[in-house]
PDB file of all heavy atoms in Angstrom:
ATOM      1  N   VAL A   1       5.290   1.190  14.612  1.00  0.00           N
ATOM      2  CA  VAL A   1       3.881   1.243  14.232  1.00  0.00           C
ATOM      3  C   VAL A   1       3.754   1.256  12.714  1.00  0.00           C
ATOM      4  O   VAL A   1       2.960   0.503  12.126  1.00  0.00           O
ATOM      5  CB  VAL A   1       3.194   2.487  14.833  1.00  0.00           C
ATOM      6  CG1 VAL A   1       1.781   2.646  14.257  1.00  0.00           C
ATOM      7  CG2 VAL A   1       3.122   2.384  16.349  1.00  0.00           C
ATOM      8  N   LEU A   2       4.547   2.113  12.066  1.00  0.00           N
ATOM      9  CA  LEU A   2       4.496   2.233  10.612  1.00  0.00           C
ATOM     10  C   LEU A   2       4.872   0.917   9.933  1.00  0.00           C
ATOM     11  O   LEU A   2       4.188   0.472   8.999  1.00  0.00           O
ATOM     12  CB  LEU A   2       5.436   3.345  10.156  1.00  0.00           C
ATOM     13  CG  LEU A   2       5.532   3.596   8.653  1.00  0.00           C
ATOM     14  CD1 LEU A   2       4.184   4.023   8.090  1.00  0.00           C
ATOM     15  CD2 LEU A   2       6.585   4.664   8.361  1.00  0.00           C
ATOM     16  N   ASN A   3       5.935   0.283  10.406  1.00  0.00           N
ATOM     17  CA  ASN A   3       6.386  -0.974   9.798  1.00  0.00           C
ATOM     18  C   ASN A   3       5.363  -2.091   9.971  1.00  0.00           C
ATOM     19  O   ASN A   3       5.098  -2.856   9.032  1.00  0.00           O
ATOM     20  CB  ASN A   3       7.723  -1.403  10.413  1.00  0.00           C
ATOM     21  CG  ASN A   3       8.874  -0.505   9.992  1.00  0.00           C
ATOM     22  OD1 ASN A   3       8.797   0.151   8.960  1.00  0.00           O
ATOM     23  ND2 ASN A   3       9.923  -0.463  10.786  1.00  0.00           N
ATOM     24  N   LYS A   4       4.786  -2.182  11.165  1.00  0.00           N
ATOM     25  CA  LYS A   4       3.794  -3.232  11.418  1.00  0.00           C
ATOM     26  C   LYS A   4       2.542  -3.032  10.569  1.00  0.00           C
ATOM     27  O   LYS A   4       1.965  -3.987  10.048  1.00  0.00           O
ATOM     28  CB  LYS A   4       3.435  -3.265  12.908  1.00  0.00           C
ATOM     29  CG  LYS A   4       4.547  -3.794  13.815  1.00  0.00           C
ATOM     30  CD  LYS A   4       4.160  -3.662  15.279  1.00  0.00           C
ATOM     31  CE  LYS A   4       5.294  -4.116  16.200  1.00  0.00           C
ATOM     32  NZ  LYS A   4       5.498  -5.574  16.135  1.00  0.00           N
ATOM     33  N   ILE A   5       2.118  -1.774  10.432  1.00  0.00           N
ATOM     34  CA  ILE A   5       0.952  -1.475   9.600  1.00  0.00           C
ATOM     35  C   ILE A   5       1.228  -1.834   8.151  1.00  0.00           C
ATOM     36  O   ILE A   5       0.386  -2.434   7.468  1.00  0.00           O
ATOM     37  CB  ILE A   5       0.562   0.011   9.733  1.00  0.00           C
ATOM     38  CG1 ILE A   5      -0.065   0.282  11.101  1.00  0.00           C
ATOM     39  CG2 ILE A   5      -0.413   0.421   8.626  1.00  0.00           C
ATOM     40  CD1 ILE A   5      -0.347   1.749  11.362  1.00  0.00           C
ATOM     41  N   SER A   6       2.413  -1.494   7.660  1.00  0.00           N
ATOM     42  CA  SER A   6       2.770  -1.778   6.265  1.00  0.00           C
ATOM     43  C   SER A   6       2.796  -3.272   5.990  1.00  0.00           C
ATOM     44  O   SER A   6       2.282  -3.742   4.968  1.00  0.00           O
ATOM     45  CB  SER A   6       4.135  -1.159   5.946  1.00  0.00           C
ATOM     46  OG  SER A   6       4.105   0.236   6.061  1.00  0.00           O
ATOM     47  N   VAL A   7       3.378  -4.041   6.909  1.00  0.00           N
ATOM     48  CA  VAL A   7       3.446  -5.493   6.737  1.00  0.00           C
ATOM     49  C   VAL A   7       2.055  -6.109   6.775  1.00  0.00           C
ATOM     50  O   VAL A   7       1.717  -6.969   5.955  1.00  0.00           O
ATOM     51  CB  VAL A   7       4.350  -6.115   7.828  1.00  0.00           C
ATOM     52  CG1 VAL A   7       4.242  -7.645   7.797  1.00  0.00           C
ATOM     53  CG2 VAL A   7       5.794  -5.691   7.626  1.00  0.00           C
ATOM     54  N   ALA A   8       1.233  -5.665   7.732  1.00  0.00           N
ATOM     55  CA  ALA A   8      -0.130  -6.196   7.835  1.00  0.00           C
ATOM     56  C   ALA A   8      -0.940  -5.880   6.583  1.00  0.00           C
ATOM     57  O   ALA A   8      -1.702  -6.720   6.091  1.00  0.00           O
ATOM     58  CB  ALA A   8      -0.819  -5.623   9.069  1.00  0.00           C
ATOM     59  N   ALA A   9      -0.773  -4.663   6.069  1.00  0.00           N
ATOM     60  CA  ALA A   9      -1.514  -4.255   4.872  1.00  0.00           C
ATOM     61  C   ALA A   9      -1.129  -5.114   3.667  1.00  0.00           C
ATOM     62  O   ALA A   9      -1.983  -5.503   2.856  1.00  0.00           O
ATOM     63  CB  ALA A   9      -1.252  -2.778   4.574  1.00  0.00           C
ATOM     64  N   GLN A  10       0.153  -5.426   3.555  1.00  0.00           N
ATOM     65  CA  GLN A  10       0.612  -6.238   2.421  1.00  0.00           C
ATOM     66  C   GLN A  10       0.172  -7.691   2.548  1.00  0.00           C
ATOM     67  O   GLN A  10      -0.265  -8.304   1.576  1.00  0.00           O
ATOM     68  CB  GLN A  10       2.140  -6.171   2.335  1.00  0.00           C
ATOM     69  CG  GLN A  10       2.674  -4.798   1.947  1.00  0.00           C
ATOM     70  CD  GLN A  10       4.177  -4.700   2.081  1.00  0.00           C
ATOM     71  OE1 GLN A  10       4.851  -5.701   2.325  1.00  0.00           O
ATOM     72  NE2 GLN A  10       4.716  -3.501   1.934  1.00  0.00           N
ATOM     73  N   ASN A  11       0.261  -8.230   3.764  1.00  0.00           N
ATOM     74  CA  ASN A  11      -0.034  -9.651   3.949  1.00  0.00           C
ATOM     75  C   ASN A  11      -1.520  -9.963   3.973  1.00  0.00           C
ATOM     76  O   ASN A  11      -1.933 -11.067   3.603  1.00  0.00           O
ATOM     77  CB  ASN A  11       0.600 -10.149   5.256  1.00  0.00           C
ATOM     78  CG  ASN A  11       2.119 -10.184   5.174  1.00  0.00           C
ATOM     79  OD1 ASN A  11       2.685 -10.185   4.092  1.00  0.00           O
ATOM     80  ND2 ASN A  11       2.776 -10.211   6.321  1.00  0.00           N
ATOM     81  N   ALA A  12      -2.321  -9.000   4.413  1.00  0.00           N
ATOM     82  CA  ALA A  12      -3.755  -9.262   4.563  1.00  0.00           C
ATOM     83  C   ALA A  12      -4.602  -8.583   3.495  1.00  0.00           C
ATOM     84  O   ALA A  12      -5.822  -8.645   3.551  1.00  0.00           O
ATOM     85  CB  ALA A  12      -4.214  -8.815   5.947  1.00  0.00           C
ATOM     86  N   ALA A  13      -3.958  -7.921   2.544  1.00  0.00           N
ATOM     87  CA  ALA A  13      -4.696  -7.214   1.484  1.00  0.00           C
ATOM     88  C   ALA A  13      -5.692  -6.222   2.068  1.00  0.00           C
ATOM     89  O   ALA A  13      -6.842  -6.135   1.652  1.00  0.00           O
ATOM     90  CB  ALA A  13      -5.414  -8.207   0.573  1.00  0.00           C
ATOM     91  N   VAL A  14      -5.239  -5.492   3.082  1.00  0.00           N
ATOM     92  CA  VAL A  14      -6.040  -4.474   3.751  1.00  0.00           C
ATOM     93  C   VAL A  14      -5.312  -3.149   3.605  1.00  0.00           C
ATOM     94  O   VAL A  14      -4.085  -3.101   3.597  1.00  0.00           O
ATOM     95  CB  VAL A  14      -6.220  -4.812   5.248  1.00  0.00           C
ATOM     96  CG1 VAL A  14      -7.003  -3.729   5.964  1.00  0.00           C
ATOM     97  CG2 VAL A  14      -6.922  -6.153   5.406  1.00  0.00           C
ATOM     98  N   SER A  15      -6.046  -2.060   3.480  1.00  0.00           N
ATOM     99  CA  SER A  15      -5.403  -0.765   3.277  1.00  0.00           C
ATOM    100  C   SER A  15      -4.795  -0.234   4.572  1.00  0.00           C
ATOM    101  O   SER A  15      -5.283  -0.510   5.675  1.00  0.00           O
ATOM    102  CB  SER A  15      -6.408   0.252   2.730  1.00  0.00           C
ATOM    103  OG  SER A  15      -7.325   0.640   3.733  1.00  0.00           O
ATOM    104  N   ASP A  16      -3.708   0.537   4.427  1.00  0.00           N
ATOM    105  CA  ASP A  16      -3.083   1.185   5.583  1.00  0.00           C
ATOM    106  C   ASP A  16      -4.078   2.114   6.282  1.00  0.00           C
ATOM    107  O   ASP A  16      -4.067   2.241   7.507  1.00  0.00           O
ATOM    108  CB  ASP A  16      -1.861   2.003   5.127  1.00  0.00           C
ATOM    109  CG  ASP A  16      -0.810   1.144   4.460  1.00  0.00           C
ATOM    110  OD1 ASP A  16      -0.987   0.789   3.282  1.00  0.00           O
ATOM    111  OD2 ASP A  16       0.193   0.835   5.113  1.00  0.00           O
ATOM    112  N   LYS A  17      -4.914   2.749   5.481  1.00  0.00           N
ATOM    113  CA  LYS A  17      -5.905   3.674   6.042  1.00  0.00           C
ATOM    114  C   LYS A  17      -6.865   2.957   6.982  1.00  0.00           C
ATOM    115  O   LYS A  17      -7.147   3.448   8.081  1.00  0.00           O
ATOM    116  CB  LYS A  17      -6.691   4.339   4.909  1.00  0.00           C
ATOM    117  CG  LYS A  17      -7.773   5.290   5.392  1.00  0.00           C
ATOM    118  CD  LYS A  17      -8.515   5.921   4.226  1.00  0.00           C
ATOM    119  CE  LYS A  17      -9.614   6.852   4.721  1.00  0.00           C
ATOM    120  NZ  LYS A  17     -10.366   7.464   3.590  1.00  0.00           N
ATOM    121  N   ASP A  18      -7.376   1.790   6.564  1.00  0.00           N
ATOM    122  CA  ASP A  18      -8.311   1.048   7.420  1.00  0.00           C
ATOM    123  C   ASP A  18      -7.635   0.612   8.714  1.00  0.00           C
ATOM    124  O   ASP A  18      -8.249   0.651   9.788  1.00  0.00           O
ATOM    125  CB  ASP A  18      -8.849  -0.176   6.674  1.00  0.00           C
ATOM    126  CG  ASP A  18      -9.910   0.188   5.658  1.00  0.00           C
ATOM    127  OD1 ASP A  18     -10.695   1.115   5.930  1.00  0.00           O
ATOM    128  OD2 ASP A  18      -9.951  -0.436   4.585  1.00  0.00           O
ATOM    129  N   LEU A  19      -6.376   0.208   8.623  1.00  0.00           N
ATOM    130  CA  LEU A  19      -5.673  -0.250   9.816  1.00  0.00           C
ATOM    131  C   LEU A  19      -5.462   0.897  10.805  1.00  0.00           C
ATOM    132  O   LEU A  19      -5.710   0.735  12.004  1.00  0.00           O
ATOM    133  CB  LEU A  19      -4.321  -0.860   9.423  1.00  0.00           C
ATOM    134  CG  LEU A  19      -4.410  -2.182   8.653  1.00  0.00           C
ATOM    135  CD1 LEU A  19      -3.018  -2.609   8.190  1.00  0.00           C
ATOM    136  CD2 LEU A  19      -5.020  -3.283   9.514  1.00  0.00           C
ATOM    137  N   ILE A  20      -5.014   2.039  10.319  1.00  0.00           N
ATOM    138  CA  ILE A  20      -4.751   3.156  11.240  1.00  0.00           C
ATOM    139  C   ILE A  20      -6.051   3.714  11.806  1.00  0.00           C
ATOM    140  O   ILE A  20      -6.117   4.112  12.975  1.00  0.00           O
ATOM    141  CB  ILE A  20      -3.921   4.267  10.542  1.00  0.00           C
ATOM    142  CG1 ILE A  20      -3.294   5.201  11.587  1.00  0.00           C
ATOM    143  CG2 ILE A  20      -4.756   5.061   9.568  1.00  0.00           C
ATOM    144  CD1 ILE A  20      -2.266   4.548  12.456  1.00  0.00           C
ATOM    145  N   GLU A  21      -7.117   3.718  11.007  1.00  0.00           N
ATOM    146  CA  GLU A  21      -8.414   4.184  11.510  1.00  0.00           C
ATOM    147  C   GLU A  21      -8.946   3.237  12.584  1.00  0.00           C
ATOM    148  O   GLU A  21      -9.518   3.664  13.598  1.00  0.00           O
ATOM    149  CB  GLU A  21      -9.420   4.291  10.367  1.00  0.00           C
ATOM    150  CG  GLU A  21      -9.147   5.411   9.362  1.00  0.00           C
ATOM    151  CD  GLU A  21      -9.456   6.788   9.918  1.00  0.00           C
ATOM    152  OE1 GLU A  21      -9.887   6.891  11.086  1.00  0.00           O
ATOM    153  OE2 GLU A  21      -9.253   7.770   9.193  1.00  0.00           O
ATOM    154  N   GLY A  22      -8.767   1.937  12.367  1.00  0.00           N
ATOM    155  CA  GLY A  22      -9.211   0.966  13.360  1.00  0.00           C
ATOM    156  C   GLY A  22      -8.414   1.075  14.648  1.00  0.00           C
ATOM    157  O   GLY A  22      -8.979   1.032  15.749  1.00  0.00           O
ATOM    158  N   LEU A  23      -7.101   1.249  14.528  1.00  0.00           N
ATOM    159  CA  LEU A  23      -6.250   1.399  15.705  1.00  0.00           C
ATOM    160  C   LEU A  23      -6.609   2.652  16.493  1.00  0.00           C
ATOM    161  O   LEU A  23      -6.650   2.629  17.729  1.00  0.00           O
ATOM    162  CB  LEU A  23      -4.780   1.469  15.277  1.00  0.00           C
ATOM    163  CG  LEU A  23      -4.121   0.174  14.809  1.00  0.00           C
ATOM    164  CD1 LEU A  23      -2.773   0.473  14.177  1.00  0.00           C
ATOM    165  CD2 LEU A  23      -3.960  -0.793  15.972  1.00  0.00           C
ATOM    166  N   LYS A  24      -6.855   3.728  15.762  1.00  0.00           N
ATOM    167  CA  LYS A  24      -7.139   4.997  16.418  1.00  0.00           C
ATOM    168  C   LYS A  24      -8.391   4.916  17.280  1.00  0.00           C
ATOM    169  O   LYS A  24      -8.452   5.504  18.363  1.00  0.00           O
ATOM    170  CB  LYS A  24      -7.287   6.095  15.348  1.00  0.00           C
ATOM    171  CG  LYS A  24      -7.536   7.470  15.914  1.00  0.00           C
ATOM    172  CD  LYS A  24      -7.371   8.547  14.842  1.00  0.00           C
ATOM    173  CE  LYS A  24      -8.423   8.464  13.772  1.00  0.00           C
ATOM    174  NZ  LYS A  24      -8.340   9.588  12.830  1.00  0.00           N
ATOM    175  N   ARG A  25      -9.395   4.177  16.825  1.00  0.00           N
ATOM    176  CA  ARG A  25     -10.669   4.141  17.526  1.00  0.00           C
ATOM    177  C   ARG A  25     -10.740   3.072  18.615  1.00  0.00           C
ATOM    178  O   ARG A  25     -11.533   3.195  19.539  1.00  0.00           O
ATOM    179  CB  ARG A  25     -11.802   3.935  16.514  1.00  0.00           C
ATOM    180  CG  ARG A  25     -12.099   5.188  15.718  1.00  0.00           C
ATOM    181  CD  ARG A  25     -12.936   4.901  14.482  1.00  0.00           C
ATOM    182  NE  ARG A  25     -13.352   6.139  13.836  1.00  0.00           N
ATOM    183  CZ  ARG A  25     -12.554   6.879  13.078  1.00  0.00           C
ATOM    184  NH1 ARG A  25     -11.291   6.495  12.872  1.00  0.00           N
ATOM    185  NH2 ARG A  25     -12.991   7.996  12.505  1.00  0.00           N
TER     186      ARG A  25
END
């Protein structure tokens, strides 16, 4: 989960916080 979030954040210029908050909900 951590690795996928980190890669997505780097490639899509999106923050890790937004990704984890979106996943959580």
